[in-house]
Amino acid sequence: MPSEEAIRSADTERIRKVFEERKEPGGSFFDAYRLQTYQERYEHLLSFFREIGLGSLEKLRILDVGCGSGGHLRRMADFGVEPANCFGVDLFRRSLCGARRLNPNIQFLEAHGARLPFADEAFDLIFQYTMLTSVLDARLRREIVSEMRRTLRPGGYLIWYDFAYSNPQNPNVRGIGRKEIRQLLGGFRINLRRVTLAPPLGRPAAGISPLLYRLLVAIPLLRSHYYGFAQKQ
């Protein structure tokens, strides 16, 4: 059986290669589907912050695991986050270069989620957005979640947004269902929601009309992602 270090190294190289070659459909910042899903996520996030009585993120330390070009952390400024309290880690060097250029006051590090370079209980909020479904090895997924748990303070929240299903046309993504989420997040108090109109439907619907997207995403069976708010006990 390969060692944990060998698995991490192979996974790192695979992910870097996949992201180097990947061409996302509708990748423009003006893509209607992308804008709809952003708005949907932030509506849920705002609703969640209100539910837990959080009026500002000004004093909180935040980590984004699989941060890409840092767009999510940058948008956290709308919730009062101080850039100096924001940290992002990713494996894809080109994205990190862009993140550092666009967000000079946020700290971005090249690191694997299974070996986070932070102290225990260092963060109040940790985000993982469509990162874990790019990790195909089940043991490695558990290690990454363990590291997020280690670096999250008691009472802090892990905020999860990821695919609920595998895409048969994309072997580099493996969906994570409700049962596996609950197994990975054992010991967390979990609020789990199904969101986001599945891309094969969502892209054409958003291109026709935002209203059509909203009508279709109201049907639970057509939603392809889980949005989870998990509190460390």
C-alpha atoms as a PDB file:
ATOM      1  CA  MET A   1       0.000   0.000   0.000  1.00  0.00           C
ATOM      2  CA  PRO A   2       1.400   3.456  -0.888  1.00  0.00           C
ATOM      3  CA  SER A   3       2.470   5.637   2.023  1.00  0.00           C
ATOM      4  CA  GLU A   4       0.450   8.715   3.005  1.00  0.00           C
ATOM      5  CA  GLU A   5       3.248  10.934   1.715  1.00  0.00           C
ATOM      6  CA  ALA A   6       3.255   9.150  -1.651  1.00  0.00           C
ATOM      7  CA  ILE A   7      -0.517   9.540  -1.935  1.00  0.00           C
ATOM      8  CA  ARG A   8      -0.304  13.262  -1.129  1.00  0.00           C
ATOM      9  CA  SER A   9       2.487  13.801  -3.656  1.00  0.00           C
ATOM     10  CA  ALA A  10       0.650  11.958  -6.416  1.00  0.00           C
ATOM     11  CA  ASP A  11      -2.558  13.846  -5.620  1.00  0.00           C
ATOM     12  CA  THR A  12      -0.743  17.180  -5.678  1.00  0.00           C
ATOM     13  CA  GLU A  13       0.733  16.554  -9.109  1.00  0.00           C
ATOM     14  CA  ARG A  14      -2.564  15.222 -10.503  1.00  0.00           C
ATOM     15  CA  ILE A  15      -4.497  18.276  -9.300  1.00  0.00           C
ATOM     16  CA  ARG A  16      -1.886  20.689 -10.655  1.00  0.00           C
ATOM     17  CA  LYS A  17      -1.996  18.970 -14.035  1.00  0.00           C
ATOM     18  CA  VAL A  18      -5.800  18.950 -14.133  1.00  0.00           C
ATOM     19  CA  PHE A  19      -6.075  22.651 -13.312  1.00  0.00           C
ATOM     20  CA  GLU A  20      -3.329  23.541 -15.764  1.00  0.00           C
ATOM     21  CA  GLU A  21      -5.261  21.867 -18.575  1.00  0.00           C
ATOM     22  CA  ARG A  22      -8.811  22.663 -17.485  1.00  0.00           C
ATOM     23  CA  LYS A  23     -10.978  24.961 -19.567  1.00  0.00           C
ATOM     24  CA  GLU A  24     -14.195  25.767 -17.745  1.00  0.00           C
ATOM     25  CA  PRO A  25     -17.328  26.259 -19.848  1.00  0.00           C
ATOM     26  CA  GLY A  26     -18.543  29.810 -19.500  1.00  0.00           C
ATOM     27  CA  GLY A  27     -15.431  30.874 -17.613  1.00  0.00           C
ATOM     28  CA  SER A  28     -15.913  34.600 -18.212  1.00  0.00           C
ATOM     29  CA  PHE A  29     -16.598  36.844 -15.233  1.00  0.00           C
ATOM     30  CA  PHE A  30     -19.666  37.960 -17.184  1.00  0.00           C
ATOM     31  CA  ASP A  31     -21.006  34.410 -17.508  1.00  0.00           C
ATOM     32  CA  ALA A  32     -24.662  34.426 -16.411  1.00  0.00           C
ATOM     33  CA  TYR A  33     -24.536  31.035 -14.666  1.00  0.00           C
ATOM     34  CA  ARG A  34     -21.470  31.999 -12.685  1.00  0.00           C
ATOM     35  CA  LEU A  35     -23.129  35.205 -11.539  1.00  0.00           C
ATOM     36  CA  GLN A  36     -26.323  33.384 -10.537  1.00  0.00           C
ATOM     37  CA  THR A  37     -24.474  30.804  -8.464  1.00  0.00           C
ATOM     38  CA  TYR A  38     -22.384  33.504  -6.760  1.00  0.00           C
ATOM     39  CA  GLN A  39     -25.504  35.409  -5.813  1.00  0.00           C
ATOM     40  CA  GLU A  40     -27.216  32.252  -4.586  1.00  0.00           C
ATOM     41  CA  ARG A  41     -24.282  31.273  -2.369  1.00  0.00           C
ATOM     42  CA  TYR A  42     -23.973  34.699  -0.791  1.00  0.00           C
ATOM     43  CA  GLU A  43     -27.693  34.873  -0.101  1.00  0.00           C
ATOM     44  CA  HIS A  44     -27.403  31.581   1.814  1.00  0.00           C
ATOM     45  CA  LEU A  45     -24.262  32.777   3.559  1.00  0.00           C
ATOM     46  CA  LEU A  46     -25.894  36.016   4.666  1.00  0.00           C
ATOM     47  CA  SER A  47     -28.922  34.077   5.877  1.00  0.00           C
ATOM     48  CA  PHE A  48     -26.671  31.790   7.897  1.00  0.00           C
ATOM     49  CA  PHE A  49     -24.744  34.673   9.473  1.00  0.00           C
ATOM     50  CA  ARG A  50     -28.047  36.203  10.519  1.00  0.00           C
ATOM     51  CA  GLU A  51     -29.237  32.896  11.988  1.00  0.00           C
ATOM     52  CA  ILE A  52     -26.199  32.680  14.285  1.00  0.00           C
ATOM     53  CA  GLY A  53     -26.401  36.372  15.198  1.00  0.00           C
ATOM     54  CA  LEU A  54     -23.208  37.402  13.440  1.00  0.00           C
ATOM     55  CA  GLY A  55     -23.360  41.048  12.390  1.00  0.00           C
ATOM     56  CA  SER A  56     -19.773  41.496  11.203  1.00  0.00           C
ATOM     57  CA  LEU A  57     -16.692  39.393  10.474  1.00  0.00           C
ATOM     58  CA  GLU A  58     -14.353  42.213  11.447  1.00  0.00           C
ATOM     59  CA  LYS A  59     -12.626  40.406  14.333  1.00  0.00           C
ATOM     60  CA  LEU A  60     -12.631  36.910  12.822  1.00  0.00           C
ATOM     61  CA  ARG A  61      -9.739  34.978  11.305  1.00  0.00           C
ATOM     62  CA  ILE A  62     -10.695  33.198   8.083  1.00  0.00           C
ATOM     63  CA  LEU A  63      -9.063  30.443   6.032  1.00  0.00           C
ATOM     64  CA  ASP A  64     -10.053  29.368   2.506  1.00  0.00           C
ATOM     65  CA  VAL A  65      -8.704  25.904   1.636  1.00  0.00           C
ATOM     66  CA  GLY A  66      -8.423  25.627  -2.149  1.00  0.00           C
ATOM     67  CA  CYS A  67      -8.680  29.402  -2.504  1.00  0.00           C
ATOM     68  CA  GLY A  68      -7.868  29.647  -6.229  1.00  0.00           C
ATOM     69  CA  SER A  69      -7.336  33.275  -7.225  1.00  0.00           C
ATOM     70  CA  GLY A  70      -8.701  34.555  -3.915  1.00  0.00           C
ATOM     71  CA  GLY A  71     -12.031  35.853  -5.172  1.00  0.00           C
ATOM     72  CA  HIS A  72     -14.020  34.432  -2.277  1.00  0.00           C
ATOM     73  CA  LEU A  73     -11.750  35.971   0.360  1.00  0.00           C
ATOM     74  CA  ARG A  74     -11.840  39.274  -1.490  1.00  0.00           C
ATOM     75  CA  ARG A  75     -15.640  39.278  -1.400  1.00  0.00           C
ATOM     76  CA  MET A  76     -15.594  38.641   2.352  1.00  0.00           C
ATOM     77  CA  ALA A  77     -14.761  42.354   2.685  1.00  0.00           C
ATOM     78  CA  ASP A  78     -18.485  42.926   2.114  1.00  0.00           C
ATOM     79  CA  PHE A  79     -19.043  41.246   5.485  1.00  0.00           C
ATOM     80  CA  GLY A  80     -16.505  43.425   7.298  1.00  0.00           C
ATOM     81  CA  VAL A  81     -13.475  41.122   7.151  1.00  0.00           C
ATOM     82  CA  GLU A  82     -10.066  42.670   7.728  1.00  0.00           C
ATOM     83  CA  PRO A  83      -7.743  41.504   4.900  1.00  0.00           C
ATOM     84  CA  ALA A  84      -4.942  40.878   7.408  1.00  0.00           C
ATOM     85  CA  ASN A  85      -7.165  38.247   9.052  1.00  0.00           C
ATOM     86  CA  CYS A  86      -7.685  36.341   5.775  1.00  0.00           C
ATOM     87  CA  PHE A  87      -5.561  33.403   4.634  1.00  0.00           C
ATOM     88  CA  GLY A  88      -5.778  31.187   1.572  1.00  0.00           C
ATOM     89  CA  VAL A  89      -4.020  27.973   0.575  1.00  0.00           C
ATOM     90  CA  ASP A  90      -3.948  26.271  -2.799  1.00  0.00           C
ATOM     91  CA  LEU A  91      -1.811  23.908  -4.882  1.00  0.00           C
ATOM     92  CA  PHE A  92      -2.178  25.699  -8.206  1.00  0.00           C
ATOM     93  CA  ARG A  93       0.690  28.167  -8.460  1.00  0.00           C
ATOM     94  CA  ARG A  94      -0.713  30.227 -11.304  1.00  0.00           C
ATOM     95  CA  SER A  95      -3.874  30.935  -9.325  1.00  0.00           C
ATOM     96  CA  LEU A  96      -1.831  31.895  -6.279  1.00  0.00           C
ATOM     97  CA  CYS A  97       0.208  34.376  -8.335  1.00  0.00           C
ATOM     98  CA  GLY A  98      -3.007  36.032  -9.471  1.00  0.00           C
ATOM     99  CA  ALA A  99      -4.386  35.989  -5.923  1.00  0.00           C
ATOM    100  CA  ARG A 100      -1.326  37.750  -4.540  1.00  0.00           C
ATOM    101  CA  ARG A 101      -1.414  40.366  -7.281  1.00  0.00           C
ATOM    102  CA  LEU A 102      -5.099  41.161  -6.785  1.00  0.00           C
ATOM    103  CA  ASN A 103      -5.140  40.875  -2.995  1.00  0.00           C
ATOM    104  CA  PRO A 104      -1.834  42.191  -1.642  1.00  0.00           C
ATOM    105  CA  ASN A 105      -3.118  42.423   1.950  1.00  0.00           C
ATOM    106  CA  ILE A 106      -4.226  38.781   2.139  1.00  0.00           C
ATOM    107  CA  GLN A 107      -1.739  36.006   2.856  1.00  0.00           C
ATOM    108  CA  PHE A 108      -1.728  33.193   0.266  1.00  0.00           C
ATOM    109  CA  LEU A 109       0.342  30.057   0.700  1.00  0.00           C
ATOM    110  CA  GLU A 110       1.102  27.070  -1.500  1.00  0.00           C
ATOM    111  CA  ALA A 111       0.131  24.105   0.653  1.00  0.00           C
ATOM    112  CA  HIS A 112      -1.782  20.830   0.600  1.00  0.00           C
ATOM    113  CA  GLY A 113      -4.966  20.717   2.649  1.00  0.00           C
ATOM    114  CA  ALA A 114      -3.709  17.579   4.407  1.00  0.00           C
ATOM    115  CA  ARG A 115      -0.766  19.560   5.855  1.00  0.00           C
ATOM    116  CA  LEU A 116      -2.013  23.027   6.708  1.00  0.00           C
ATOM    117  CA  PRO A 117       0.810  25.335   7.868  1.00  0.00           C
ATOM    118  CA  PHE A 118      -1.142  26.847  10.757  1.00  0.00           C
ATOM    119  CA  ALA A 119      -1.382  26.397  14.508  1.00  0.00           C
ATOM    120  CA  ASP A 120      -4.159  24.519  16.261  1.00  0.00           C
ATOM    121  CA  GLU A 121      -7.425  26.458  16.641  1.00  0.00           C
ATOM    122  CA  ALA A 122      -6.089  29.381  14.576  1.00  0.00           C
ATOM    123  CA  PHE A 123      -9.311  30.232  12.715  1.00  0.00           C
ATOM    124  CA  ASP A 124     -12.903  31.214  13.411  1.00  0.00           C
ATOM    125  CA  LEU A 125     -14.211  30.337   9.929  1.00  0.00           C
ATOM    126  CA  ILE A 126     -12.820  27.889   7.377  1.00  0.00           C
ATOM    127  CA  PHE A 127     -14.212  27.634   3.852  1.00  0.00           C
ATOM    128  CA  GLN A 128     -13.894  24.820   1.357  1.00  0.00           C
ATOM    129  CA  TYR A 129     -15.633  25.542  -1.924  1.00  0.00           C
ATOM    130  CA  THR A 130     -15.502  22.735  -4.555  1.00  0.00           C
ATOM    131  CA  MET A 131     -12.104  21.593  -3.287  1.00  0.00           C
ATOM    132  CA  LEU A 132     -12.763  18.216  -1.658  1.00  0.00           C
ATOM    133  CA  THR A 133     -14.516  16.720  -4.686  1.00  0.00           C
ATOM    134  CA  SER A 134     -11.233  17.206  -6.597  1.00  0.00           C
ATOM    135  CA  VAL A 135      -9.586  14.857  -4.072  1.00  0.00           C
ATOM    136  CA  LEU A 136     -10.295  11.315  -5.239  1.00  0.00           C
ATOM    137  CA  ASP A 137      -8.629   9.326  -2.451  1.00  0.00           C
ATOM    138  CA  ALA A 138     -10.980   8.752   0.515  1.00  0.00           C
ATOM    139  CA  ARG A 139      -8.154   8.571   3.054  1.00  0.00           C
ATOM    140  CA  LEU A 140      -6.753  11.875   1.834  1.00  0.00           C
ATOM    141  CA  ARG A 141     -10.164  13.507   2.124  1.00  0.00           C
ATOM    142  CA  ARG A 142     -10.304  12.429   5.758  1.00  0.00           C
ATOM    143  CA  GLU A 143      -6.835  13.875   6.378  1.00  0.00           C
ATOM    144  CA  ILE A 144      -7.843  17.223   4.878  1.00  0.00           C
ATOM    145  CA  VAL A 145     -10.990  17.429   6.987  1.00  0.00           C
ATOM    146  CA  SER A 146      -8.933  16.447  10.043  1.00  0.00           C
ATOM    147  CA  GLU A 147      -6.562  19.345   9.359  1.00  0.00           C
ATOM    148  CA  MET A 148      -9.436  21.782   8.959  1.00  0.00           C
ATOM    149  CA  ARG A 149     -10.855  20.502  12.230  1.00  0.00           C
ATOM    150  CA  ARG A 150      -7.461  20.934  13.948  1.00  0.00           C
ATOM    151  CA  THR A 151      -7.015  24.541  12.814  1.00  0.00           C
ATOM    152  CA  LEU A 152     -10.608  25.577  13.617  1.00  0.00           C
ATOM    153  CA  ARG A 153     -11.338  26.880  17.119  1.00  0.00           C
ATOM    154  CA  PRO A 154     -14.082  25.229  19.206  1.00  0.00           C
ATOM    155  CA  GLY A 155     -17.363  26.883  18.291  1.00  0.00           C
ATOM    156  CA  GLY A 156     -15.977  27.966  14.910  1.00  0.00           C
ATOM    157  CA  TYR A 157     -17.580  27.033  11.598  1.00  0.00           C
ATOM    158  CA  LEU A 158     -16.460  25.027   8.591  1.00  0.00           C
ATOM    159  CA  ILE A 159     -18.449  26.286   5.605  1.00  0.00           C
ATOM    160  CA  TRP A 160     -18.766  23.698   2.849  1.00  0.00           C
ATOM    161  CA  TYR A 161     -19.927  24.082  -0.752  1.00  0.00           C
ATOM    162  CA  ASP A 162     -19.344  21.157  -3.073  1.00  0.00           C
ATOM    163  CA  PHE A 163     -20.798  18.741  -5.599  1.00  0.00           C
ATOM    164  CA  ALA A 164     -23.278  16.191  -4.287  1.00  0.00           C
ATOM    165  CA  TYR A 165     -22.837  13.945  -7.332  1.00  0.00           C
ATOM    166  CA  SER A 166     -20.052  12.667  -9.541  1.00  0.00           C
ATOM    167  CA  ASN A 167     -19.924  13.784 -13.149  1.00  0.00           C
ATOM    168  CA  PRO A 168     -19.494  10.717 -15.413  1.00  0.00           C
ATOM    169  CA  GLN A 169     -17.856  12.967 -18.021  1.00  0.00           C
ATOM    170  CA  ASN A 170     -15.246  14.279 -15.576  1.00  0.00           C
ATOM    171  CA  PRO A 171     -13.147  11.566 -13.892  1.00  0.00           C
ATOM    172  CA  ASN A 172     -11.267  14.195 -11.871  1.00  0.00           C
ATOM    173  CA  VAL A 173     -14.265  15.047  -9.691  1.00  0.00           C
ATOM    174  CA  ARG A 174     -16.011  12.653  -7.288  1.00  0.00           C
ATOM    175  CA  GLY A 175     -19.185  13.885  -5.634  1.00  0.00           C
ATOM    176  CA  ILE A 176     -19.686  13.765  -1.873  1.00  0.00           C
ATOM    177  CA  GLY A 177     -23.149  12.773  -0.699  1.00  0.00           C
ATOM    178  CA  ARG A 178     -24.933  13.567   2.543  1.00  0.00           C
ATOM    179  CA  LYS A 179     -23.858  10.341   4.257  1.00  0.00           C
ATOM    180  CA  GLU A 180     -20.155  10.862   3.500  1.00  0.00           C
ATOM    181  CA  ILE A 181     -20.339  14.510   4.570  1.00  0.00           C
ATOM    182  CA  ARG A 182     -21.739  13.480   7.928  1.00  0.00           C
ATOM    183  CA  GLN A 183     -19.059  10.811   8.303  1.00  0.00           C
ATOM    184  CA  LEU A 184     -16.281  13.266   7.453  1.00  0.00           C
ATOM    185  CA  LEU A 185     -17.700  15.876   9.798  1.00  0.00           C
ATOM    186  CA  GLY A 186     -18.375  13.592  12.740  1.00  0.00           C
ATOM    187  CA  GLY A 187     -18.475  15.636  15.917  1.00  0.00           C
ATOM    188  CA  PHE A 188     -19.605  18.795  14.099  1.00  0.00           C
ATOM    189  CA  ARG A 189     -23.124  20.184  14.380  1.00  0.00           C
ATOM    190  CA  ILE A 190     -24.216  20.349  10.739  1.00  0.00           C
ATOM    191  CA  ASN A 191     -26.739  22.481   8.862  1.00  0.00           C
ATOM    192  CA  LEU A 192     -26.814  21.052   5.341  1.00  0.00           C
ATOM    193  CA  ARG A 193     -28.701  22.497   2.356  1.00  0.00           C
ATOM    194  CA  ARG A 194     -29.091  21.414  -1.277  1.00  0.00           C
ATOM    195  CA  VAL A 195     -28.435  24.369  -3.589  1.00  0.00           C
ATOM    196  CA  THR A 196     -27.406  25.352  -7.142  1.00  0.00           C
ATOM    197  CA  LEU A 197     -29.127  24.314 -10.331  1.00  0.00           C
ATOM    198  CA  ALA A 198     -27.097  21.492 -11.942  1.00  0.00           C
ATOM    199  CA  PRO A 199     -24.742  22.952 -14.570  1.00  0.00           C
ATOM    200  CA  PRO A 200     -26.226  21.159 -17.625  1.00  0.00           C
ATOM    201  CA  LEU A 201     -29.547  22.857 -16.806  1.00  0.00           C
ATOM    202  CA  GLY A 202     -28.257  25.929 -15.029  1.00  0.00           C
ATOM    203  CA  ARG A 203     -25.990  27.254 -17.762  1.00  0.00           C
ATOM    204  CA  PRO A 204     -28.641  27.456 -20.503  1.00  0.00           C
ATOM    205  CA  ALA A 205     -31.330  28.573 -18.038  1.00  0.00           C
ATOM    206  CA  ALA A 206     -29.223  31.441 -16.673  1.00  0.00           C
ATOM    207  CA  GLY A 207     -28.315  32.424 -20.226  1.00  0.00           C
ATOM    208  CA  ILE A 208     -31.997  32.762 -21.092  1.00  0.00           C
ATOM    209  CA  SER A 209     -33.172  34.520 -17.942  1.00  0.00           C
ATOM    210  CA  PRO A 210     -32.265  34.910 -14.244  1.00  0.00           C
ATOM    211  CA  LEU A 211     -35.939  34.295 -13.510  1.00  0.00           C
ATOM    212  CA  LEU A 212     -35.854  30.944 -15.313  1.00  0.00           C
ATOM    213  CA  TYR A 213     -32.810  29.939 -13.233  1.00  0.00           C
ATOM    214  CA  ARG A 214     -34.684  30.890 -10.044  1.00  0.00           C
ATOM    215  CA  LEU A 215     -37.768  28.936 -11.046  1.00  0.00           C
ATOM    216  CA  LEU A 216     -35.819  25.775 -11.841  1.00  0.00           C
ATOM    217  CA  VAL A 217     -33.524  25.901  -8.797  1.00  0.00           C
ATOM    218  CA  ALA A 218     -36.650  25.932  -6.635  1.00  0.00           C
ATOM    219  CA  ILE A 219     -37.056  22.234  -7.562  1.00  0.00           C
ATOM    220  CA  PRO A 220     -34.898  20.265  -5.065  1.00  0.00           C
ATOM    221  CA  LEU A 221     -34.218  17.339  -7.413  1.00  0.00           C
ATOM    222  CA  LEU A 222     -32.475  19.667  -9.873  1.00  0.00           C
ATOM    223  CA  ARG A 223     -29.927  20.962  -7.341  1.00  0.00           C
ATOM    224  CA  SER A 224     -26.394  19.593  -7.629  1.00  0.00           C
ATOM    225  CA  HIS A 225     -24.440  20.928  -4.619  1.00  0.00           C
ATOM    226  CA  TYR A 226     -24.494  20.800  -0.838  1.00  0.00           C
ATOM    227  CA  TYR A 227     -23.990  23.971   1.156  1.00  0.00           C
ATOM    228  CA  GLY A 228     -23.060  23.079   4.708  1.00  0.00           C
ATOM    229  CA  PHE A 229     -22.491  25.107   7.863  1.00  0.00           C
ATOM    230  CA  ALA A 230     -20.736  22.866  10.373  1.00  0.00           C
ATOM    231  CA  GLN A 231     -19.904  24.031  13.889  1.00  0.00           C
ATOM    232  CA  LYS A 232     -16.975  22.456  15.731  1.00  0.00           C
ATOM    233  CA  GLN A 233     -18.073  21.174  19.121  1.00  0.00           C
END
